[in-house]
């Protein structure tokens, strides 16, 4: 097997954009051998109706990533990252830093549980911030990559007025000229305002919903592991064309978030996500 190492390392940014937050995933491969490229994807996924729910719904899934003028951009879940650092060609270590923005749709619609629905729908939240990361290339063989990344986001729409910190560790490797696989571990630490908005129950909310009143502080909200894969239907991992992506993820609510009535009474601490679709690289 012979694949240009610079093209394969671009698989570091294999994002899945889904309509339910909290699942930061990877999918297909851009043409990294070219200075400018774009990959778009569209599909569907089965996901909890809100993070912590035991009801599952079908949601649209998509992706967008690539490189413009040597600057990489990519999505993780509903978050867009733009790397403003340009690393040397074929570098052993790649540094990443830049702005990030997220659209949070949690509890903004399609709530299946009547008790949670009685608490009222929330507005969409737009979160903005920054991220930093480092990637080690050619770790176990010529084409694999290990990446460590951390992001900080804060609500700018006054929906929850809180912050989210997400550390992540990823490993990716090609399986053939056409197939790619990856593993991701990540977790979310959220502020008190975020926690109270999405997982607290006020006395008035308890009366309206029948859920127990609950106050909650900042802390680690959840941890997740994701397995992913992609396959090129046209060309290979270094070229454009049509492809497939698939993802399976497990997330566990932690600490006080696991004890929230939205999880312990109306939902489940164990969260699953399965999705897939088509991609096209230009």
C-alpha atoms as a PDB file:
ATOM      1  CA  UNK A   1       0.000   0.000   0.000  1.00  0.00           C
ATOM      2  CA  UNK A   2       1.343   3.390  -0.966  1.00  0.00           C
ATOM      3  CA  UNK A   3      -0.463   6.549   0.169  1.00  0.00           C
ATOM      4  CA  UNK A   4       0.903  10.077   0.323  1.00  0.00           C
ATOM      5  CA  UNK A   5       1.578  10.667   4.015  1.00  0.00           C
ATOM      6  CA  UNK A   6       0.404  14.297   3.899  1.00  0.00           C
ATOM      7  CA  UNK A   7      -2.965  13.187   2.510  1.00  0.00           C
ATOM      8  CA  UNK A   8      -3.491  10.562   5.159  1.00  0.00           C
ATOM      9  CA  UNK A   9      -2.559  12.884   8.022  1.00  0.00           C
ATOM     10  CA  UNK A  10      -5.341  15.204   6.938  1.00  0.00           C
ATOM     11  CA  UNK A  11      -7.692  12.507   8.198  1.00  0.00           C
ATOM     12  CA  UNK A  12      -7.020  14.095  11.572  1.00  0.00           C
ATOM     13  CA  UNK A  13      -9.999  16.301  10.708  1.00  0.00           C
ATOM     14  CA  UNK A  14     -12.715  13.761  10.008  1.00  0.00           C
ATOM     15  CA  UNK A  15     -15.757  15.460  11.492  1.00  0.00           C
ATOM     16  CA  UNK A  16     -19.424  14.571  11.781  1.00  0.00           C
ATOM     17  CA  UNK A  17     -21.930  17.384  12.093  1.00  0.00           C
ATOM     18  CA  UNK A  18     -25.095  16.120  13.778  1.00  0.00           C
ATOM     19  CA  UNK A  19     -28.259  17.784  14.943  1.00  0.00           C
ATOM     20  CA  UNK A  20     -27.850  16.534  18.520  1.00  0.00           C
ATOM     21  CA  UNK A  21     -24.938  18.007  20.537  1.00  0.00           C
ATOM     22  CA  UNK A  22     -22.411  16.164  22.637  1.00  0.00           C
ATOM     23  CA  UNK A  23     -21.172  13.681  20.044  1.00  0.00           C
ATOM     24  CA  UNK A  24     -17.873  14.869  18.609  1.00  0.00           C
ATOM     25  CA  UNK A  25     -17.043  12.519  15.784  1.00  0.00           C
ATOM     26  CA  UNK A  26     -14.847  11.854  12.722  1.00  0.00           C
ATOM     27  CA  UNK A  27     -15.697  10.626   9.246  1.00  0.00           C
ATOM     28  CA  UNK A  28     -14.194  11.020   5.753  1.00  0.00           C
ATOM     29  CA  UNK A  29     -10.961  12.223   4.156  1.00  0.00           C
ATOM     30  CA  UNK A  30     -10.145  15.402   2.189  1.00  0.00           C
ATOM     31  CA  UNK A  31      -7.635  15.840  -0.623  1.00  0.00           C
ATOM     32  CA  UNK A  32      -4.855  17.099   1.597  1.00  0.00           C
ATOM     33  CA  UNK A  33      -2.332  16.816  -1.236  1.00  0.00           C
ATOM     34  CA  UNK A  34      -3.975  19.933  -2.728  1.00  0.00           C
ATOM     35  CA  UNK A  35      -3.778  23.373  -1.057  1.00  0.00           C
ATOM     36  CA  UNK A  36      -7.525  23.896  -1.354  1.00  0.00           C
ATOM     37  CA  UNK A  37     -10.200  21.251  -0.894  1.00  0.00           C
ATOM     38  CA  UNK A  38     -13.669  20.782   0.509  1.00  0.00           C
ATOM     39  CA  UNK A  39     -15.565  17.738   1.673  1.00  0.00           C
ATOM     40  CA  UNK A  40     -19.305  17.778   2.259  1.00  0.00           C
ATOM     41  CA  UNK A  41     -21.453  14.996   3.643  1.00  0.00           C
ATOM     42  CA  UNK A  42     -25.085  14.273   4.325  1.00  0.00           C
ATOM     43  CA  UNK A  43     -26.833  11.423   6.091  1.00  0.00           C
ATOM     44  CA  UNK A  44     -28.971  10.477   9.057  1.00  0.00           C
ATOM     45  CA  UNK A  45     -28.410   9.357  12.641  1.00  0.00           C
ATOM     46  CA  UNK A  46     -30.248   7.845  15.577  1.00  0.00           C
ATOM     47  CA  UNK A  47     -29.614   9.936  18.691  1.00  0.00           C
ATOM     48  CA  UNK A  48     -31.220  10.760  22.077  1.00  0.00           C
ATOM     49  CA  UNK A  49     -33.930  13.426  21.884  1.00  0.00           C
ATOM     50  CA  UNK A  50     -31.803  15.400  24.355  1.00  0.00           C
ATOM     51  CA  UNK A  51     -28.516  14.549  26.031  1.00  0.00           C
ATOM     52  CA  UNK A  52     -29.556  12.305  28.917  1.00  0.00           C
ATOM     53  CA  UNK A  53     -32.809  11.098  27.322  1.00  0.00           C
ATOM     54  CA  UNK A  54     -33.851   7.466  26.921  1.00  0.00           C
ATOM     55  CA  UNK A  55     -35.978   8.339  23.862  1.00  0.00           C
ATOM     56  CA  UNK A  56     -34.287   8.143  20.479  1.00  0.00           C
ATOM     57  CA  UNK A  57     -35.090  10.080  17.315  1.00  0.00           C
ATOM     58  CA  UNK A  58     -33.820  10.226  13.745  1.00  0.00           C
ATOM     59  CA  UNK A  59     -31.916  13.425  12.995  1.00  0.00           C
ATOM     60  CA  UNK A  60     -30.056  14.729   9.930  1.00  0.00           C
ATOM     61  CA  UNK A  61     -26.297  14.317   9.903  1.00  0.00           C
ATOM     62  CA  UNK A  62     -23.732  16.127   7.804  1.00  0.00           C
ATOM     63  CA  UNK A  63     -20.137  17.260   7.646  1.00  0.00           C
ATOM     64  CA  UNK A  64     -17.936  19.956   6.177  1.00  0.00           C
ATOM     65  CA  UNK A  65     -14.150  20.209   6.259  1.00  0.00           C
ATOM     66  CA  UNK A  66     -11.130  20.905   4.136  1.00  0.00           C
ATOM     67  CA  UNK A  67      -8.392  23.464   3.539  1.00  0.00           C
ATOM     68  CA  UNK A  68      -8.368  26.957   2.039  1.00  0.00           C
ATOM     69  CA  UNK A  69      -5.093  28.780   1.433  1.00  0.00           C
ATOM     70  CA  UNK A  70      -3.308  26.246   3.614  1.00  0.00           C
ATOM     71  CA  UNK A  71      -5.640  26.849   6.580  1.00  0.00           C
ATOM     72  CA  UNK A  72      -7.633  23.822   7.729  1.00  0.00           C
ATOM     73  CA  UNK A  73     -11.240  23.909   8.906  1.00  0.00           C
ATOM     74  CA  UNK A  74     -13.402  21.079  10.201  1.00  0.00           C
ATOM     75  CA  UNK A  75     -16.428  20.221  12.301  1.00  0.00           C
ATOM     76  CA  UNK A  76     -16.893  18.136  15.413  1.00  0.00           C
ATOM     77  CA  UNK A  77     -20.569  17.450  16.123  1.00  0.00           C
ATOM     78  CA  UNK A  78     -22.185  20.880  15.669  1.00  0.00           C
ATOM     79  CA  UNK A  79     -18.900  22.744  16.286  1.00  0.00           C
ATOM     80  CA  UNK A  80     -16.774  24.401  13.587  1.00  0.00           C
ATOM     81  CA  UNK A  81     -13.016  24.766  14.106  1.00  0.00           C
ATOM     82  CA  UNK A  82     -10.644  26.895  12.003  1.00  0.00           C
ATOM     83  CA  UNK A  83      -6.922  26.236  12.412  1.00  0.00           C
ATOM     84  CA  UNK A  84      -4.991  29.473  11.815  1.00  0.00           C
ATOM     85  CA  UNK A  85      -1.569  27.813  12.105  1.00  0.00           C
ATOM     86  CA  UNK A  86       0.167  26.474   9.020  1.00  0.00           C
ATOM     87  CA  UNK A  87       2.590  23.684   9.892  1.00  0.00           C
ATOM     88  CA  UNK A  88       5.568  22.730   7.700  1.00  0.00           C
ATOM     89  CA  UNK A  89       4.827  20.224   4.954  1.00  0.00           C
ATOM     90  CA  UNK A  90       5.236  16.604   6.083  1.00  0.00           C
ATOM     91  CA  UNK A  91       5.896  17.671   9.692  1.00  0.00           C
ATOM     92  CA  UNK A  92       6.238  15.076  12.435  1.00  0.00           C
ATOM     93  CA  UNK A  93       4.373  17.363  14.866  1.00  0.00           C
ATOM     94  CA  UNK A  94       1.421  19.516  13.814  1.00  0.00           C
ATOM     95  CA  UNK A  95       0.209  22.326  16.071  1.00  0.00           C
ATOM     96  CA  UNK A  96      -3.337  23.656  15.850  1.00  0.00           C
ATOM     97  CA  UNK A  97      -4.945  26.799  17.243  1.00  0.00           C
ATOM     98  CA  UNK A  98      -7.849  28.999  16.273  1.00  0.00           C
ATOM     99  CA  UNK A  99     -11.460  30.058  16.765  1.00  0.00           C
ATOM    100  CA  UNK A 100     -14.355  27.672  17.328  1.00  0.00           C
ATOM    101  CA  UNK A 101     -18.126  28.119  17.214  1.00  0.00           C
ATOM    102  CA  UNK A 102     -20.983  25.800  18.061  1.00  0.00           C
ATOM    103  CA  UNK A 103     -24.748  25.679  17.530  1.00  0.00           C
ATOM    104  CA  UNK A 104     -26.385  23.893  20.490  1.00  0.00           C
ATOM    105  CA  UNK A 105     -29.832  22.503  19.755  1.00  0.00           C
ATOM    106  CA  UNK A 106     -30.298  20.458  22.939  1.00  0.00           C
ATOM    107  CA  UNK A 107     -33.890  20.675  24.275  1.00  0.00           C
ATOM    108  CA  UNK A 108     -34.760  23.189  21.558  1.00  0.00           C
ATOM    109  CA  UNK A 109     -37.344  20.844  20.023  1.00  0.00           C
ATOM    110  CA  UNK A 110     -38.455  17.239  19.511  1.00  0.00           C
ATOM    111  CA  UNK A 111     -38.567  16.442  23.230  1.00  0.00           C
ATOM    112  CA  UNK A 112     -40.279  13.058  23.568  1.00  0.00           C
ATOM    113  CA  UNK A 113     -40.712  12.813  27.343  1.00  0.00           C
ATOM    114  CA  UNK A 114     -43.836  14.689  28.525  1.00  0.00           C
ATOM    115  CA  UNK A 115     -42.261  15.607  31.870  1.00  0.00           C
ATOM    116  CA  UNK A 116     -39.194  17.176  30.294  1.00  0.00           C
ATOM    117  CA  UNK A 117     -41.377  18.862  27.701  1.00  0.00           C
ATOM    118  CA  UNK A 118     -43.401  20.439  30.551  1.00  0.00           C
ATOM    119  CA  UNK A 119     -40.212  22.222  31.678  1.00  0.00           C
ATOM    120  CA  UNK A 120     -40.374  24.159  28.419  1.00  0.00           C
ATOM    121  CA  UNK A 121     -38.276  24.182  25.272  1.00  0.00           C
ATOM    122  CA  UNK A 122     -35.034  26.143  25.247  1.00  0.00           C
ATOM    123  CA  UNK A 123     -33.737  28.469  22.561  1.00  0.00           C
ATOM    124  CA  UNK A 124     -30.888  27.507  20.286  1.00  0.00           C
ATOM    125  CA  UNK A 125     -27.554  28.491  21.814  1.00  0.00           C
ATOM    126  CA  UNK A 126     -24.633  29.890  19.839  1.00  0.00           C
ATOM    127  CA  UNK A 127     -21.317  29.281  21.586  1.00  0.00           C
ATOM    128  CA  UNK A 128     -18.021  30.865  20.573  1.00  0.00           C
ATOM    129  CA  UNK A 129     -14.468  30.337  21.773  1.00  0.00           C
ATOM    130  CA  UNK A 130     -11.127  28.838  20.824  1.00  0.00           C
ATOM    131  CA  UNK A 131      -9.233  25.561  20.651  1.00  0.00           C
ATOM    132  CA  UNK A 132      -5.655  24.309  20.700  1.00  0.00           C
ATOM    133  CA  UNK A 133      -4.174  20.956  19.830  1.00  0.00           C
ATOM    134  CA  UNK A 134      -1.149  18.944  18.814  1.00  0.00           C
ATOM    135  CA  UNK A 135      -0.917  15.985  16.432  1.00  0.00           C
ATOM    136  CA  UNK A 136       1.863  13.409  16.301  1.00  0.00           C
ATOM    137  CA  UNK A 137       2.220  11.854  12.842  1.00  0.00           C
ATOM    138  CA  UNK A 138       3.787   8.516  11.947  1.00  0.00           C
ATOM    139  CA  UNK A 139       3.489   7.123  15.473  1.00  0.00           C
ATOM    140  CA  UNK A 140       3.185   3.356  14.884  1.00  0.00           C
ATOM    141  CA  UNK A 141       3.582   3.381  11.099  1.00  0.00           C
ATOM    142  CA  UNK A 142       4.006   5.852   8.242  1.00  0.00           C
ATOM    143  CA  UNK A 143       0.387   6.962   7.988  1.00  0.00           C
ATOM    144  CA  UNK A 144      -1.250   7.096  11.443  1.00  0.00           C
ATOM    145  CA  UNK A 145      -1.881  10.091  13.708  1.00  0.00           C
ATOM    146  CA  UNK A 146      -2.489  10.664  17.430  1.00  0.00           C
ATOM    147  CA  UNK A 147      -4.122  13.986  18.301  1.00  0.00           C
ATOM    148  CA  UNK A 148      -4.739  15.761  21.611  1.00  0.00           C
ATOM    149  CA  UNK A 149      -7.073  18.774  21.551  1.00  0.00           C
ATOM    150  CA  UNK A 150      -8.886  21.021  24.027  1.00  0.00           C
ATOM    151  CA  UNK A 151     -11.583  23.586  23.305  1.00  0.00           C
ATOM    152  CA  UNK A 152     -13.326  26.303  25.332  1.00  0.00           C
ATOM    153  CA  UNK A 153     -16.721  27.674  24.315  1.00  0.00           C
ATOM    154  CA  UNK A 154     -19.057  30.206  25.919  1.00  0.00           C
ATOM    155  CA  UNK A 155     -22.690  30.992  25.154  1.00  0.00           C
ATOM    156  CA  UNK A 156     -23.087  34.346  23.375  1.00  0.00           C
ATOM    157  CA  UNK A 157     -26.884  34.214  23.032  1.00  0.00           C
ATOM    158  CA  UNK A 158     -27.863  34.199  26.744  1.00  0.00           C
ATOM    159  CA  UNK A 159     -29.579  30.817  26.350  1.00  0.00           C
ATOM    160  CA  UNK A 160     -27.502  29.257  29.143  1.00  0.00           C
ATOM    161  CA  UNK A 161     -24.745  31.899  29.571  1.00  0.00           C
ATOM    162  CA  UNK A 162     -22.263  29.181  30.536  1.00  0.00           C
ATOM    163  CA  UNK A 163     -19.040  27.604  29.305  1.00  0.00           C
ATOM    164  CA  UNK A 164     -17.978  24.184  28.039  1.00  0.00           C
ATOM    165  CA  UNK A 165     -14.434  22.783  28.086  1.00  0.00           C
ATOM    166  CA  UNK A 166     -13.830  19.666  25.969  1.00  0.00           C
ATOM    167  CA  UNK A 167     -10.551  17.725  26.009  1.00  0.00           C
ATOM    168  CA  UNK A 168     -10.240  15.005  23.361  1.00  0.00           C
ATOM    169  CA  UNK A 169      -7.770  12.305  22.351  1.00  0.00           C
ATOM    170  CA  UNK A 170      -7.949  10.719  18.886  1.00  0.00           C
ATOM    171  CA  UNK A 171      -6.195   7.987  16.940  1.00  0.00           C
ATOM    172  CA  UNK A 172      -6.669   7.502  13.200  1.00  0.00           C
ATOM    173  CA  UNK A 173      -5.203   5.159  10.619  1.00  0.00           C
ATOM    174  CA  UNK A 174      -5.969   3.989   7.073  1.00  0.00           C
ATOM    175  CA  UNK A 175      -6.907   0.326   6.670  1.00  0.00           C
ATOM    176  CA  UNK A 176      -6.352   0.318   2.910  1.00  0.00           C
ATOM    177  CA  UNK A 177      -6.183   2.793   0.033  1.00  0.00           C
ATOM    178  CA  UNK A 178      -9.941   3.258   0.353  1.00  0.00           C
ATOM    179  CA  UNK A 179     -10.793   2.637   4.015  1.00  0.00           C
ATOM    180  CA  UNK A 180     -10.072   4.596   7.179  1.00  0.00           C
ATOM    181  CA  UNK A 181     -10.811   3.920  10.865  1.00  0.00           C
ATOM    182  CA  UNK A 182     -10.534   6.027  13.982  1.00  0.00           C
ATOM    183  CA  UNK A 183     -11.096   6.041  17.736  1.00  0.00           C
ATOM    184  CA  UNK A 184     -11.912   9.092  19.830  1.00  0.00           C
ATOM    185  CA  UNK A 185     -12.099   9.641  23.594  1.00  0.00           C
ATOM    186  CA  UNK A 186     -13.503  12.920  24.927  1.00  0.00           C
ATOM    187  CA  UNK A 187     -15.320  14.526  27.853  1.00  0.00           C
ATOM    188  CA  UNK A 188     -17.183  17.751  28.653  1.00  0.00           C
ATOM    189  CA  UNK A 189     -16.673  19.984  31.691  1.00  0.00           C
ATOM    190  CA  UNK A 190     -19.431  22.596  31.979  1.00  0.00           C
ATOM    191  CA  UNK A 191     -20.069  25.661  34.114  1.00  0.00           C
ATOM    192  CA  UNK A 192     -22.824  26.101  36.679  1.00  0.00           C
ATOM    193  CA  UNK A 193     -25.002  28.228  34.393  1.00  0.00           C
ATOM    194  CA  UNK A 194     -24.933  25.540  31.711  1.00  0.00           C
ATOM    195  CA  UNK A 195     -25.629  22.826  34.271  1.00  0.00           C
ATOM    196  CA  UNK A 196     -28.592  24.669  35.817  1.00  0.00           C
ATOM    197  CA  UNK A 197     -30.143  25.463  32.431  1.00  0.00           C
ATOM    198  CA  UNK A 198     -30.041  21.960  30.985  1.00  0.00           C
ATOM    199  CA  UNK A 199     -30.086  19.700  34.056  1.00  0.00           C
ATOM    200  CA  UNK A 200     -31.529  21.688  36.973  1.00  0.00           C
ATOM    201  CA  UNK A 201     -35.209  21.608  37.994  1.00  0.00           C
ATOM    202  CA  UNK A 202     -36.630  24.659  39.758  1.00  0.00           C
ATOM    203  CA  UNK A 203     -39.475  24.306  42.317  1.00  0.00           C
ATOM    204  CA  UNK A 204     -41.871  25.751  39.718  1.00  0.00           C
ATOM    205  CA  UNK A 205     -40.526  23.340  37.117  1.00  0.00           C
ATOM    206  CA  UNK A 206     -41.016  20.444  39.515  1.00  0.00           C
ATOM    207  CA  UNK A 207     -44.682  21.377  39.997  1.00  0.00           C
ATOM    208  CA  UNK A 208     -45.241  21.685  36.238  1.00  0.00           C
ATOM    209  CA  UNK A 209     -43.419  18.493  35.269  1.00  0.00           C
ATOM    210  CA  UNK A 210     -43.688  16.108  38.183  1.00  0.00           C
ATOM    211  CA  UNK A 211     -39.903  15.779  38.279  1.00  0.00           C
ATOM    212  CA  UNK A 212     -38.058  16.245  41.548  1.00  0.00           C
ATOM    213  CA  UNK A 213     -36.567  19.709  42.228  1.00  0.00           C
ATOM    214  CA  UNK A 214     -32.827  19.668  41.649  1.00  0.00           C
ATOM    215  CA  UNK A 215     -29.936  22.100  41.932  1.00  0.00           C
ATOM    216  CA  UNK A 216     -26.594  21.372  40.297  1.00  0.00           C
ATOM    217  CA  UNK A 217     -23.082  22.827  40.203  1.00  0.00           C
ATOM    218  CA  UNK A 218     -20.423  22.895  37.494  1.00  0.00           C
ATOM    219  CA  UNK A 219     -18.517  19.706  36.818  1.00  0.00           C
ATOM    220  CA  UNK A 220     -17.765  16.894  34.390  1.00  0.00           C
ATOM    221  CA  UNK A 221     -20.971  16.310  32.451  1.00  0.00           C
ATOM    222  CA  UNK A 222     -20.124  13.210  30.447  1.00  0.00           C
ATOM    223  CA  UNK A 223     -17.413  11.068  28.868  1.00  0.00           C
ATOM    224  CA  UNK A 224     -17.644   9.371  25.498  1.00  0.00           C
ATOM    225  CA  UNK A 225     -15.922   6.905  23.199  1.00  0.00           C
ATOM    226  CA  UNK A 226     -16.525   6.861  19.449  1.00  0.00           C
ATOM    227  CA  UNK A 227     -15.630   4.353  16.756  1.00  0.00           C
ATOM    228  CA  UNK A 228     -15.732   5.563  13.183  1.00  0.00           C
ATOM    229  CA  UNK A 229     -14.984   4.569   9.661  1.00  0.00           C
ATOM    230  CA  UNK A 230     -15.049   5.804   6.087  1.00  0.00           C
ATOM    231  CA  UNK A 231     -14.814   4.191   2.683  1.00  0.00           C
ATOM    232  CA  UNK A 232     -14.189   5.819  -0.687  1.00  0.00           C
ATOM    233  CA  UNK A 233     -16.553   4.663  -3.437  1.00  0.00           C
ATOM    234  CA  UNK A 234     -14.667   6.671  -6.058  1.00  0.00           C
ATOM    235  CA  UNK A 235     -10.915   7.058  -6.104  1.00  0.00           C
ATOM    236  CA  UNK A 236      -9.002   6.526  -2.868  1.00  0.00           C
ATOM    237  CA  UNK A 237      -8.128   8.373   0.328  1.00  0.00           C
ATOM    238  CA  UNK A 238      -5.892  10.815  -1.537  1.00  0.00           C
ATOM    239  CA  UNK A 239      -8.394  11.831  -4.233  1.00  0.00           C
ATOM    240  CA  UNK A 240     -11.808  13.411  -4.591  1.00  0.00           C
ATOM    241  CA  UNK A 241     -15.060  11.652  -5.260  1.00  0.00           C
ATOM    242  CA  UNK A 242     -17.935   9.929  -3.514  1.00  0.00           C
ATOM    243  CA  UNK A 243     -17.548   8.136  -0.188  1.00  0.00           C
ATOM    244  CA  UNK A 244     -19.354   6.670   2.808  1.00  0.00           C
ATOM    245  CA  UNK A 245     -19.062   7.426   6.521  1.00  0.00           C
ATOM    246  CA  UNK A 246     -20.329   5.563   9.580  1.00  0.00           C
ATOM    247  CA  UNK A 247     -20.124   6.207  13.314  1.00  0.00           C
ATOM    248  CA  UNK A 248     -21.030   4.463  16.565  1.00  0.00           C
ATOM    249  CA  UNK A 249     -20.681   6.265  19.891  1.00  0.00           C
ATOM    250  CA  UNK A 250     -21.311   5.581  23.561  1.00  0.00           C
ATOM    251  CA  UNK A 251     -21.510   8.369  26.149  1.00  0.00           C
ATOM    252  CA  UNK A 252     -22.041   8.144  29.905  1.00  0.00           C
ATOM    253  CA  UNK A 253     -23.428  10.955  32.049  1.00  0.00           C
ATOM    254  CA  UNK A 254     -21.269  11.641  35.125  1.00  0.00           C
ATOM    255  CA  UNK A 255     -21.602  12.832  38.717  1.00  0.00           C
ATOM    256  CA  UNK A 256     -24.456  15.202  39.491  1.00  0.00           C
ATOM    257  CA  UNK A 257     -25.527  15.185  35.853  1.00  0.00           C
ATOM    258  CA  UNK A 258     -26.241  11.470  36.158  1.00  0.00           C
ATOM    259  CA  UNK A 259     -28.351  12.237  39.249  1.00  0.00           C
ATOM    260  CA  UNK A 260     -30.387  14.981  37.563  1.00  0.00           C
ATOM    261  CA  UNK A 261     -34.101  14.063  37.311  1.00  0.00           C
ATOM    262  CA  UNK A 262     -33.878  14.713  33.565  1.00  0.00           C
ATOM    263  CA  UNK A 263     -31.528  11.714  33.483  1.00  0.00           C
ATOM    264  CA  UNK A 264     -32.307   9.560  36.541  1.00  0.00           C
ATOM    265  CA  UNK A 265     -36.129   9.908  36.394  1.00  0.00           C
ATOM    266  CA  UNK A 266     -36.934  10.787  32.791  1.00  0.00           C
ATOM    267  CA  UNK A 267     -33.874   9.492  30.929  1.00  0.00           C
ATOM    268  CA  UNK A 268     -30.827   7.260  31.084  1.00  0.00           C
ATOM    269  CA  UNK A 269     -27.157   7.858  31.918  1.00  0.00           C
ATOM    270  CA  UNK A 270     -26.122   5.588  29.037  1.00  0.00           C
ATOM    271  CA  UNK A 271     -26.291   7.393  25.701  1.00  0.00           C
ATOM    272  CA  UNK A 272     -25.904   5.817  22.268  1.00  0.00           C
ATOM    273  CA  UNK A 273     -25.468   7.283  18.813  1.00  0.00           C
ATOM    274  CA  UNK A 274     -25.379   5.567  15.407  1.00  0.00           C
ATOM    275  CA  UNK A 275     -25.204   7.384  12.088  1.00  0.00           C
ATOM    276  CA  UNK A 276     -23.928   7.347   8.547  1.00  0.00           C
ATOM    277  CA  UNK A 277     -24.254   8.797   5.088  1.00  0.00           C
ATOM    278  CA  UNK A 278     -22.533   9.901   1.908  1.00  0.00           C
ATOM    279  CA  UNK A 279     -19.623  12.278   1.419  1.00  0.00           C
ATOM    280  CA  UNK A 280     -18.203  14.025  -1.612  1.00  0.00           C
ATOM    281  CA  UNK A 281     -14.716  15.519  -1.825  1.00  0.00           C
ATOM    282  CA  UNK A 282     -14.061  18.232  -4.406  1.00  0.00           C
END
